Amino acid sequence: MTPGEWNFARKFQLWLDNEPNFGERQLIIECIMTLAELYEKNPETKIGEEIHIDQILEDAIQISWETFQPDPYIFNFSFFSFFFIHQ
């Protein structure tokens, strides 16, 4: 392991250690693994600036929420139907 790789691993571990939420830590690790695989399969890809993992995760969560959120009308209708049927 080169000194640069060692420093990266140390900083990355410190960053993970400061994240109290296990789910967030898992998402961070999966994001890094996905980026590593992307660059392994496409070595010609270059990024000349910092990668903001927090922003990537925030965007991914927002897209997921928008994609899988049920239609509010259907959700409300189902809730009220359940409420009135079970009284």
C-alpha atoms as a PDB file:
ATOM      1  CA  MET A   1       0.000   0.000   0.000  1.00  0.00           C
ATOM      2  CA  THR A   2       1.407   3.387  -0.950  1.00  0.00           C
ATOM      3  CA  PRO A   3       1.558   6.248   1.568  1.00  0.00           C
ATOM      4  CA  GLY A   4      -1.264   8.013  -0.313  1.00  0.00           C
ATOM      5  CA  GLU A   5      -3.460   4.927  -0.180  1.00  0.00           C
ATOM      6  CA  TRP A   6      -2.676   4.488   3.511  1.00  0.00           C
ATOM      7  CA  ASN A   7      -3.640   8.113   4.243  1.00  0.00           C
ATOM      8  CA  PHE A   8      -6.860   7.722   2.260  1.00  0.00           C
ATOM      9  CA  ALA A   9      -7.772   4.515   4.118  1.00  0.00           C
ATOM     10  CA  ARG A  10      -7.043   6.171   7.474  1.00  0.00           C
ATOM     11  CA  LYS A  11      -9.114   9.282   6.663  1.00  0.00           C
ATOM     12  CA  PHE A  12     -11.927   7.150   5.281  1.00  0.00           C
ATOM     13  CA  GLN A  13     -12.001   4.989   8.428  1.00  0.00           C
ATOM     14  CA  LEU A  14     -12.051   8.087  10.644  1.00  0.00           C
ATOM     15  CA  TRP A  15     -14.932   9.477   8.591  1.00  0.00           C
ATOM     16  CA  LEU A  16     -16.874   6.221   8.983  1.00  0.00           C
ATOM     17  CA  ASP A  17     -16.111   6.066  12.697  1.00  0.00           C
ATOM     18  CA  ASN A  18     -17.688   9.509  13.134  1.00  0.00           C
ATOM     19  CA  GLU A  19     -20.932   8.407  11.449  1.00  0.00           C
ATOM     20  CA  PRO A  20     -23.166   7.103  14.266  1.00  0.00           C
ATOM     21  CA  ASN A  21     -25.914   5.752  12.000  1.00  0.00           C
ATOM     22  CA  PHE A  22     -25.154   2.208  10.798  1.00  0.00           C
ATOM     23  CA  GLY A  23     -27.421   2.618   7.773  1.00  0.00           C
ATOM     24  CA  GLU A  24     -25.573   5.760   6.681  1.00  0.00           C
ATOM     25  CA  ARG A  25     -22.222   3.995   7.081  1.00  0.00           C
ATOM     26  CA  GLN A  26     -23.460   1.133   4.922  1.00  0.00           C
ATOM     27  CA  LEU A  27     -24.653   3.549   2.217  1.00  0.00           C
ATOM     28  CA  ILE A  28     -21.282   5.318   2.258  1.00  0.00           C
ATOM     29  CA  ILE A  29     -19.420   2.024   1.851  1.00  0.00           C
ATOM     30  CA  GLU A  30     -21.719   0.886  -0.964  1.00  0.00           C
ATOM     31  CA  CYS A  31     -21.302   4.228  -2.721  1.00  0.00           C
ATOM     32  CA  ILE A  32     -17.499   3.997  -2.537  1.00  0.00           C
ATOM     33  CA  MET A  33     -17.601   0.388  -3.767  1.00  0.00           C
ATOM     34  CA  THR A  34     -19.819   1.397  -6.697  1.00  0.00           C
ATOM     35  CA  LEU A  35     -17.494   4.264  -7.630  1.00  0.00           C
ATOM     36  CA  ALA A  36     -14.476   1.925  -7.407  1.00  0.00           C
ATOM     37  CA  GLU A  37     -16.177  -0.579  -9.702  1.00  0.00           C
ATOM     38  CA  LEU A  38     -17.126   2.184 -12.125  1.00  0.00           C
ATOM     39  CA  TYR A  39     -13.523   3.358 -12.354  1.00  0.00           C
ATOM     40  CA  GLU A  40     -12.201  -0.195 -12.564  1.00  0.00           C
ATOM     41  CA  LYS A  41     -14.419  -0.895 -15.579  1.00  0.00           C
ATOM     42  CA  ASN A  42     -13.788   2.541 -17.142  1.00  0.00           C
ATOM     43  CA  PRO A  43     -10.176   3.458 -16.355  1.00  0.00           C
ATOM     44  CA  GLU A  44     -10.256   6.300 -18.890  1.00  0.00           C
ATOM     45  CA  THR A  45     -12.779   8.147 -16.710  1.00  0.00           C
ATOM     46  CA  LYS A  46     -11.145  11.032 -14.877  1.00  0.00           C
ATOM     47  CA  ILE A  47     -12.558  13.393 -12.270  1.00  0.00           C
ATOM     48  CA  GLY A  48     -10.510  16.480 -11.618  1.00  0.00           C
ATOM     49  CA  GLU A  49     -12.190  17.519  -8.398  1.00  0.00           C
ATOM     50  CA  GLU A  50     -13.374  16.137  -5.088  1.00  0.00           C
ATOM     51  CA  ILE A  51     -16.163  13.599  -4.999  1.00  0.00           C
ATOM     52  CA  HIS A  52     -18.804  14.627  -2.464  1.00  0.00           C
ATOM     53  CA  ILE A  53     -20.221  11.338  -1.198  1.00  0.00           C
ATOM     54  CA  ASP A  54     -22.737  13.147   1.009  1.00  0.00           C
ATOM     55  CA  GLN A  55     -24.195  14.910  -2.029  1.00  0.00           C
ATOM     56  CA  ILE A  56     -24.278  11.685  -4.072  1.00  0.00           C
ATOM     57  CA  LEU A  57     -26.179   9.928  -1.280  1.00  0.00           C
ATOM     58  CA  GLU A  58     -28.547  12.852  -0.783  1.00  0.00           C
ATOM     59  CA  ASP A  59     -29.343  12.905  -4.515  1.00  0.00           C
ATOM     60  CA  ALA A  60     -29.781   9.116  -4.619  1.00  0.00           C
ATOM     61  CA  ILE A  61     -32.163   9.186  -1.657  1.00  0.00           C
ATOM     62  CA  GLN A  62     -34.174  12.005  -3.242  1.00  0.00           C
ATOM     63  CA  ILE A  63     -34.431  10.136  -6.566  1.00  0.00           C
ATOM     64  CA  SER A  64     -35.412   6.935  -4.750  1.00  0.00           C
ATOM     65  CA  TRP A  65     -38.049   8.778  -2.736  1.00  0.00           C
ATOM     66  CA  GLU A  66     -39.524  10.389  -5.867  1.00  0.00           C
ATOM     67  CA  THR A  67     -39.465   7.077  -7.744  1.00  0.00           C
ATOM     68  CA  PHE A  68     -41.019   4.854  -5.089  1.00  0.00           C
ATOM     69  CA  GLN A  69     -43.294   7.273  -3.243  1.00  0.00           C
ATOM     70  CA  PRO A  70     -46.914   6.179  -3.620  1.00  0.00           C
ATOM     71  CA  ASP A  71     -49.430   8.521  -5.166  1.00  0.00           C
ATOM     72  CA  PRO A  72     -50.691  10.706  -2.277  1.00  0.00           C
ATOM     73  CA  TYR A  73     -54.330  10.382  -3.414  1.00  0.00           C
ATOM     74  CA  ILE A  74     -54.162   6.579  -3.444  1.00  0.00           C
ATOM     75  CA  PHE A  75     -52.369   6.529  -0.085  1.00  0.00           C
ATOM     76  CA  ASN A  76     -54.922   8.845   1.537  1.00  0.00           C
ATOM     77  CA  PHE A  77     -57.827   6.972   0.011  1.00  0.00           C
ATOM     78  CA  SER A  78     -56.458   3.663   1.300  1.00  0.00           C
ATOM     79  CA  PHE A  79     -55.915   5.123   4.758  1.00  0.00           C
ATOM     80  CA  PHE A  80     -59.446   6.513   5.004  1.00  0.00           C
ATOM     81  CA  SER A  81     -60.950   3.328   3.584  1.00  0.00           C
ATOM     82  CA  PHE A  82     -59.147   1.310   6.229  1.00  0.00           C
ATOM     83  CA  PHE A  83     -60.197   3.781   8.917  1.00  0.00           C
ATOM     84  CA  PHE A  84     -63.897   3.731   8.014  1.00  0.00           C
ATOM     85  CA  ILE A  85     -64.123  -0.002   7.361  1.00  0.00           C
ATOM     86  CA  HIS A  86     -62.561  -0.901  10.723  1.00  0.00           C
ATOM     87  CA  GLN A  87     -64.695   1.316  12.969  1.00  0.00           C
END
